[in-house]
PDB file of N, CA and C in Angstrom:
ATOM      1  N   MET A   1      -0.057  10.486  18.300  1.00  0.00           N
ATOM      2  CA  MET A   1       0.405   9.911  17.052  1.00  0.00           C
ATOM      3  C   MET A   1      -0.509   8.745  16.671  1.00  0.00           C
ATOM      4  N   HIS A   2      -0.844   8.668  15.402  1.00  0.00           N
ATOM      5  CA  HIS A   2      -1.713   7.606  14.910  1.00  0.00           C
ATOM      6  C   HIS A   2      -0.926   6.309  14.753  1.00  0.00           C
ATOM      7  N   SER A   3      -1.587   5.222  15.096  1.00  0.00           N
ATOM      8  CA  SER A   3      -0.991   3.915  14.832  1.00  0.00           C
ATOM      9  C   SER A   3      -1.118   3.646  13.338  1.00  0.00           C
ATOM     10  N   PRO A   4      -0.338   2.702  12.811  1.00  0.00           N
ATOM     11  CA  PRO A   4      -0.470   2.373  11.379  1.00  0.00           C
ATOM     12  C   PRO A   4      -1.895   1.944  11.018  1.00  0.00           C
ATOM     13  N   ALA A   5      -2.531   1.174  11.907  1.00  0.00           N
ATOM     14  CA  ALA A   5      -3.901   0.725  11.632  1.00  0.00           C
ATOM     15  C   ALA A   5      -4.866   1.906  11.597  1.00  0.00           C
ATOM     16  N   GLU A   6      -4.691   2.850  12.511  1.00  0.00           N
ATOM     17  CA  GLU A   6      -5.565   4.027  12.547  1.00  0.00           C
ATOM     18  C   GLU A   6      -5.326   4.908  11.324  1.00  0.00           C
ATOM     19  N   ALA A   7      -4.085   5.068  10.932  1.00  0.00           N
ATOM     20  CA  ALA A   7      -3.779   5.864   9.738  1.00  0.00           C
ATOM     21  C   ALA A   7      -4.387   5.226   8.493  1.00  0.00           C
ATOM     22  N   GLU A   8      -4.296   3.896   8.410  1.00  0.00           N
ATOM     23  CA  GLU A   8      -4.879   3.183   7.275  1.00  0.00           C
ATOM     24  C   GLU A   8      -6.397   3.323   7.274  1.00  0.00           C
ATOM     25  N   ALA A   9      -7.006   3.229   8.450  1.00  0.00           N
ATOM     26  CA  ALA A   9      -8.459   3.370   8.563  1.00  0.00           C
ATOM     27  C   ALA A   9      -8.893   4.794   8.203  1.00  0.00           C
ATOM     28  N   ASP A  10      -8.150   5.801   8.666  1.00  0.00           N
ATOM     29  CA  ASP A  10      -8.450   7.194   8.307  1.00  0.00           C
ATOM     30  C   ASP A  10      -8.407   7.377   6.795  1.00  0.00           C
ATOM     31  N   ALA A  11      -7.373   6.825   6.161  1.00  0.00           N
ATOM     32  CA  ALA A  11      -7.232   6.932   4.707  1.00  0.00           C
ATOM     33  C   ALA A  11      -8.395   6.236   4.000  1.00  0.00           C
ATOM     34  N   CYS A  12      -8.816   5.100   4.539  1.00  0.00           N
ATOM     35  CA  CYS A  12      -9.935   4.361   3.953  1.00  0.00           C
ATOM     36  C   CYS A  12     -11.223   5.168   4.054  1.00  0.00           C
ATOM     37  N   VAL A  13     -11.451   5.798   5.191  1.00  0.00           N
ATOM     38  CA  VAL A  13     -12.645   6.643   5.367  1.00  0.00           C
ATOM     39  C   VAL A  13     -12.641   7.766   4.339  1.00  0.00           C
ATOM     40  N   GLU A  14     -11.499   8.409   4.158  1.00  0.00           N
ATOM     41  CA  GLU A  14     -11.424   9.517   3.199  1.00  0.00           C
ATOM     42  C   GLU A  14     -11.612   9.018   1.766  1.00  0.00           C
ATOM     43  N   GLU A  15     -11.065   7.842   1.458  1.00  0.00           N
ATOM     44  CA  GLU A  15     -11.241   7.269   0.126  1.00  0.00           C
ATOM     45  C   GLU A  15     -12.717   6.948  -0.126  1.00  0.00           C
ATOM     46  N   LEU A  16     -13.365   6.363   0.867  1.00  0.00           N
ATOM     47  CA  LEU A  16     -14.788   6.046   0.745  1.00  0.00           C
ATOM     48  C   LEU A  16     -15.619   7.317   0.639  1.00  0.00           C
ATOM     49  N   ARG A  17     -15.292   8.321   1.450  1.00  0.00           N
ATOM     50  CA  ARG A  17     -16.012   9.600   1.399  1.00  0.00           C
ATOM     51  C   ARG A  17     -15.898  10.214  -0.004  1.00  0.00           C
ATOM     52  N   GLY A  18     -14.705  10.165  -0.584  1.00  0.00           N
ATOM     53  CA  GLY A  18     -14.506  10.711  -1.930  1.00  0.00           C
ATOM     54  C   GLY A  18     -15.253   9.930  -2.987  1.00  0.00           C
ATOM     55  N   ALA A  19     -15.237   8.600  -2.873  1.00  0.00           N
ATOM     56  CA  ALA A  19     -15.946   7.765  -3.844  1.00  0.00           C
ATOM     57  C   ALA A  19     -17.449   8.007  -3.767  1.00  0.00           C
ATOM     58  N   LEU A  20     -17.967   8.138  -2.561  1.00  0.00           N
ATOM     59  CA  LEU A  20     -19.396   8.425  -2.410  1.00  0.00           C
ATOM     60  C   LEU A  20     -19.727   9.807  -2.962  1.00  0.00           C
ATOM     61  N   ALA A  21     -18.870  10.776  -2.686  1.00  0.00           N
ATOM     62  CA  ALA A  21     -19.099  12.139  -3.175  1.00  0.00           C
ATOM     63  C   ALA A  21     -19.128  12.189  -4.696  1.00  0.00           C
ATOM     64  N   ALA A  22     -18.343  11.342  -5.346  1.00  0.00           N
ATOM     65  CA  ALA A  22     -18.330  11.289  -6.808  1.00  0.00           C
ATOM     66  C   ALA A  22     -19.694  10.877  -7.358  1.00  0.00           C
ATOM     67  N   HIS A  23     -20.502  10.249  -6.512  1.00  0.00           N
ATOM     68  CA  HIS A  23     -21.854   9.844  -6.901  1.00  0.00           C
ATOM     69  C   HIS A  23     -22.904  10.745  -6.260  1.00  0.00           C
ATOM     70  N   GLY A  24     -22.461  11.848  -5.665  1.00  0.00           N
ATOM     71  CA  GLY A  24     -23.384  12.778  -5.033  1.00  0.00           C
ATOM     72  C   GLY A  24     -23.958  12.272  -3.718  1.00  0.00           C
ATOM     73  N   ILE A  25     -23.244  11.361  -3.068  1.00  0.00           N
ATOM     74  CA  ILE A  25     -23.729  10.749  -1.831  1.00  0.00           C
ATOM     75  C   ILE A  25     -22.873  11.230  -0.661  1.00  0.00           C
ATOM     76  N   THR A  26     -23.548  11.664   0.410  1.00  0.00           N
ATOM     77  CA  THR A  26     -22.862  12.072   1.630  1.00  0.00           C
ATOM     78  C   THR A  26     -23.427  11.285   2.797  1.00  0.00           C
ATOM     79  N   LEU A  27     -22.568  10.624   3.532  1.00  0.00           N
ATOM     80  CA  LEU A  27     -22.959   9.963   4.778  1.00  0.00           C
ATOM     81  C   LEU A  27     -22.352  10.789   5.907  1.00  0.00           C
ATOM     82  N   PRO A  28     -23.150  11.680   6.529  1.00  0.00           N
ATOM     83  CA  PRO A  28     -22.610  12.604   7.526  1.00  0.00           C
ATOM     84  C   PRO A  28     -21.898  11.941   8.694  1.00  0.00           C
ATOM     85  N   SER A  29     -22.324  10.748   9.074  1.00  0.00           N
ATOM     86  CA  SER A  29     -21.711  10.114  10.236  1.00  0.00           C
ATOM     87  C   SER A  29     -20.645   9.090   9.860  1.00  0.00           C
ATOM     88  N   LEU A  30     -20.194   9.104   8.609  1.00  0.00           N
ATOM     89  CA  LEU A  30     -19.126   8.222   8.173  1.00  0.00           C
ATOM     90  C   LEU A  30     -17.860   8.534   8.967  1.00  0.00           C
ATOM     91  N   GLY A  31     -17.257   7.521   9.543  1.00  0.00           N
ATOM     92  CA  GLY A  31     -16.038   7.743  10.315  1.00  0.00           C
ATOM     93  C   GLY A  31     -15.560   6.466  10.971  1.00  0.00           C
ATOM     94  N   LEU A  32     -14.530   6.599  11.779  1.00  0.00           N
ATOM     95  CA  LEU A  32     -13.980   5.454  12.491  1.00  0.00           C
ATOM     96  C   LEU A  32     -14.867   5.097  13.670  1.00  0.00           C
ATOM     97  N   ASP A  33     -14.995   3.808  13.939  1.00  0.00           N
ATOM     98  CA  ASP A  33     -15.708   3.326  15.099  1.00  0.00           C
ATOM     99  C   ASP A  33     -14.739   3.379  16.273  1.00  0.00           C
ATOM    100  N   LEU A  34     -14.830   4.415  17.074  1.00  0.00           N
ATOM    101  CA  LEU A  34     -13.844   4.646  18.137  1.00  0.00           C
ATOM    102  C   LEU A  34     -13.784   3.546  19.184  1.00  0.00           C
ATOM    103  N   PRO A  35     -14.907   2.906  19.567  1.00  0.00           N
ATOM    104  CA  PRO A  35     -14.776   1.815  20.538  1.00  0.00           C
ATOM    105  C   PRO A  35     -13.878   0.671  20.060  1.00  0.00           C
ATOM    106  N   ALA A  36     -13.749   0.497  18.758  1.00  0.00           N
ATOM    107  CA  ALA A  36     -12.864  -0.553  18.245  1.00  0.00           C
ATOM    108  C   ALA A  36     -11.411  -0.293  18.654  1.00  0.00           C
ATOM    109  N   PHE A  37     -11.049   0.978  18.830  1.00  0.00           N
ATOM    110  CA  PHE A  37      -9.681   1.315  19.236  1.00  0.00           C
ATOM    111  C   PHE A  37      -9.475   1.162  20.743  1.00  0.00           C
ATOM    112  N   ALA A  38     -10.566   1.050  21.478  1.00  0.00           N
ATOM    113  CA  ALA A  38     -10.468   0.930  22.935  1.00  0.00           C
ATOM    114  C   ALA A  38     -10.365  -0.525  23.384  1.00  0.00           C
ATOM    115  N   ALA A  39     -10.440  -1.439  22.439  1.00  0.00           N
ATOM    116  CA  ALA A  39     -10.388  -2.866  22.780  1.00  0.00           C
ATOM    117  C   ALA A  39      -9.031  -3.226  23.380  1.00  0.00           C
ATOM    118  N   ARG A  40      -9.023  -4.207  24.252  1.00  0.00           N
ATOM    119  CA  ARG A  40      -7.770  -4.645  24.879  1.00  0.00           C
ATOM    120  C   ARG A  40      -6.843  -5.314  23.882  1.00  0.00           C
ATOM    121  N   CYS A  41      -7.408  -6.128  23.012  1.00  0.00           N
ATOM    122  CA  CYS A  41      -6.612  -6.842  22.016  1.00  0.00           C
ATOM    123  C   CYS A  41      -6.635  -6.052  20.718  1.00  0.00           C
ATOM    124  N   PRO A  42      -5.492  -5.944  20.061  1.00  0.00           N
ATOM    125  CA  PRO A  42      -5.481  -5.225  18.786  1.00  0.00           C
ATOM    126  C   PRO A  42      -6.379  -5.922  17.772  1.00  0.00           C
ATOM    127  N   VAL A  43      -7.242  -5.156  17.202  1.00  0.00           N
ATOM    128  CA  VAL A  43      -8.141  -5.663  16.164  1.00  0.00           C
ATOM    129  C   VAL A  43      -8.094  -4.711  14.979  1.00  0.00           C
ATOM    130  N   ARG A  44      -8.613  -5.169  13.870  1.00  0.00           N
ATOM    131  CA  ARG A  44      -8.702  -4.279  12.714  1.00  0.00           C
ATOM    132  C   ARG A  44      -9.744  -3.211  13.017  1.00  0.00           C
ATOM    133  N   PRO A  45      -9.444  -1.967  12.711  1.00  0.00           N
ATOM    134  CA  PRO A  45     -10.402  -0.893  12.970  1.00  0.00           C
ATOM    135  C   PRO A  45     -11.686  -1.095  12.168  1.00  0.00           C
ATOM    136  N   LEU A  46     -12.791  -0.647  12.740  1.00  0.00           N
ATOM    137  CA  LEU A  46     -14.069  -0.690  12.056  1.00  0.00           C
ATOM    138  C   LEU A  46     -14.413   0.686  11.524  1.00  0.00           C
ATOM    139  N   ILE A  47     -15.043   0.715  10.362  1.00  0.00           N
ATOM    140  CA  ILE A  47     -15.515   1.958   9.773  1.00  0.00           C
ATOM    141  C   ILE A  47     -17.012   2.035  10.042  1.00  0.00           C
ATOM    142  N   GLY A  48     -17.440   3.116  10.680  1.00  0.00           N
ATOM    143  CA  GLY A  48     -18.855   3.320  10.951  1.00  0.00           C
ATOM    144  C   GLY A  48     -19.504   4.062   9.791  1.00  0.00           C
ATOM    145  N   LEU A  49     -20.412   3.383   9.095  1.00  0.00           N
ATOM    146  CA  LEU A  49     -21.115   4.034   7.986  1.00  0.00           C
ATOM    147  C   LEU A  49     -22.232   4.922   8.515  1.00  0.00           C
ATOM    148  N   GLY A  50     -22.752   4.605   9.673  1.00  0.00           N
ATOM    149  CA  GLY A  50     -23.740   5.461  10.308  1.00  0.00           C
ATOM    150  C   GLY A  50     -25.125   5.383   9.694  1.00  0.00           C
ATOM    151  N   ASN A  51     -25.898   6.362  10.012  1.00  0.00           N
ATOM    152  CA  ASN A  51     -27.281   6.423   9.569  1.00  0.00           C
ATOM    153  C   ASN A  51     -27.404   7.313   8.344  1.00  0.00           C
ATOM    154  N   CYS A  52     -28.417   7.033   7.538  1.00  0.00           N
ATOM    155  CA  CYS A  52     -28.712   7.908   6.409  1.00  0.00           C
ATOM    156  C   CYS A  52     -30.208   7.857   6.141  1.00  0.00           C
ATOM    157  N   ASN A  53     -30.690   8.860   5.438  1.00  0.00           N
ATOM    158  CA  ASN A  53     -32.111   8.886   5.127  1.00  0.00           C
ATOM    159  C   ASN A  53     -32.411   7.985   3.935  1.00  0.00           C
ATOM    160  N   LEU A  54     -33.680   7.832   3.633  1.00  0.00           N
ATOM    161  CA  LEU A  54     -34.126   6.935   2.573  1.00  0.00           C
ATOM    162  C   LEU A  54     -33.562   7.339   1.214  1.00  0.00           C
ATOM    163  N   LEU A  55     -33.538   8.627   0.930  1.00  0.00           N
ATOM    164  CA  LEU A  55     -33.014   9.096  -0.351  1.00  0.00           C
ATOM    165  C   LEU A  55     -31.543   8.728  -0.516  1.00  0.00           C
ATOM    166  N   THR A  56     -30.772   8.915   0.534  1.00  0.00           N
ATOM    167  CA  THR A  56     -29.342   8.580   0.489  1.00  0.00           C
ATOM    168  C   THR A  56     -29.152   7.075   0.338  1.00  0.00           C
ATOM    169  N   ALA A  57     -29.944   6.286   1.049  1.00  0.00           N
ATOM    170  CA  ALA A  57     -29.844   4.830   0.937  1.00  0.00           C
ATOM    171  C   ALA A  57     -30.157   4.370  -0.483  1.00  0.00           C
ATOM    172  N   LYS A  58     -31.174   4.970  -1.104  1.00  0.00           N
ATOM    173  CA  LYS A  58     -31.518   4.610  -2.483  1.00  0.00           C
ATOM    174  C   LYS A  58     -30.405   5.010  -3.451  1.00  0.00           C
ATOM    175  N   ALA A  59     -29.811   6.189  -3.238  1.00  0.00           N
ATOM    176  CA  ALA A  59     -28.712   6.641  -4.096  1.00  0.00           C
ATOM    177  C   ALA A  59     -27.504   5.728  -3.944  1.00  0.00           C
ATOM    178  N   LEU A  60     -27.230   5.292  -2.741  1.00  0.00           N
ATOM    179  CA  LEU A  60     -26.115   4.376  -2.490  1.00  0.00           C
ATOM    180  C   LEU A  60     -26.365   3.036  -3.173  1.00  0.00           C
ATOM    181  N   ALA A  61     -27.572   2.509  -3.044  1.00  0.00           N
ATOM    182  CA  ALA A  61     -27.914   1.239  -3.682  1.00  0.00           C
ATOM    183  C   ALA A  61     -27.793   1.360  -5.199  1.00  0.00           C
ATOM    184  N   ALA A  62     -28.249   2.467  -5.766  1.00  0.00           N
ATOM    185  CA  ALA A  62     -28.168   2.672  -7.216  1.00  0.00           C
ATOM    186  C   ALA A  62     -26.707   2.734  -7.680  1.00  0.00           C
ATOM    187  N   ALA A  63     -25.869   3.433  -6.931  1.00  0.00           N
ATOM    188  CA  ALA A  63     -24.456   3.544  -7.294  1.00  0.00           C
ATOM    189  C   ALA A  63     -23.771   2.178  -7.218  1.00  0.00           C
ATOM    190  N   LEU A  64     -24.110   1.385  -6.220  1.00  0.00           N
ATOM    191  CA  LEU A  64     -23.525   0.057  -6.099  1.00  0.00           C
ATOM    192  C   LEU A  64     -23.994  -0.862  -7.222  1.00  0.00           C
ATOM    193  N   ARG A  65     -25.267  -0.780  -7.563  1.00  0.00           N
ATOM    194  CA  ARG A  65     -25.763  -1.594  -8.689  1.00  0.00           C
ATOM    195  C   ARG A  65     -25.081  -1.192  -9.983  1.00  0.00           C
ATOM    196  N   LYS A  66     -24.929   0.104 -10.200  1.00  0.00           N
ATOM    197  CA  LYS A  66     -24.283   0.599 -11.427  1.00  0.00           C
ATOM    198  C   LYS A  66     -22.836   0.125 -11.486  1.00  0.00           C
ATOM    199  N   GLY A  67     -22.144   0.166 -10.356  1.00  0.00           N
ATOM    200  CA  GLY A  67     -20.751  -0.264 -10.293  1.00  0.00           C
ATOM    201  C   GLY A  67     -20.587  -1.758 -10.504  1.00  0.00           C
ATOM    202  N   ALA A  68     -21.614  -2.529 -10.138  1.00  0.00           N
ATOM    203  CA  ALA A  68     -21.540  -3.981 -10.276  1.00  0.00           C
ATOM    204  C   ALA A  68     -21.864  -4.436 -11.691  1.00  0.00           C
ATOM    205  N   ALA A  69     -22.451  -3.557 -12.477  1.00  0.00           N
ATOM    206  CA  ALA A  69     -22.850  -3.930 -13.837  1.00  0.00           C
ATOM    207  C   ALA A  69     -21.679  -3.942 -14.796  1.00  0.00           C
TER     208      ALA A  69
END
């Protein structure tokens, strides 16, 4: 069973994945940072954005600039 924090983090990952997809951007390794859940003290989950190629990084930067305008 997922903890509330894990469920919230899962939902956030899916929301981010959908928002990126709306701009034609895919981050294949986007997901939860699992070691964050292994910590002894409860902490806020981390979202791993992962690696991407140069084209994807440029598309992400362009989408963020457009959104900030």
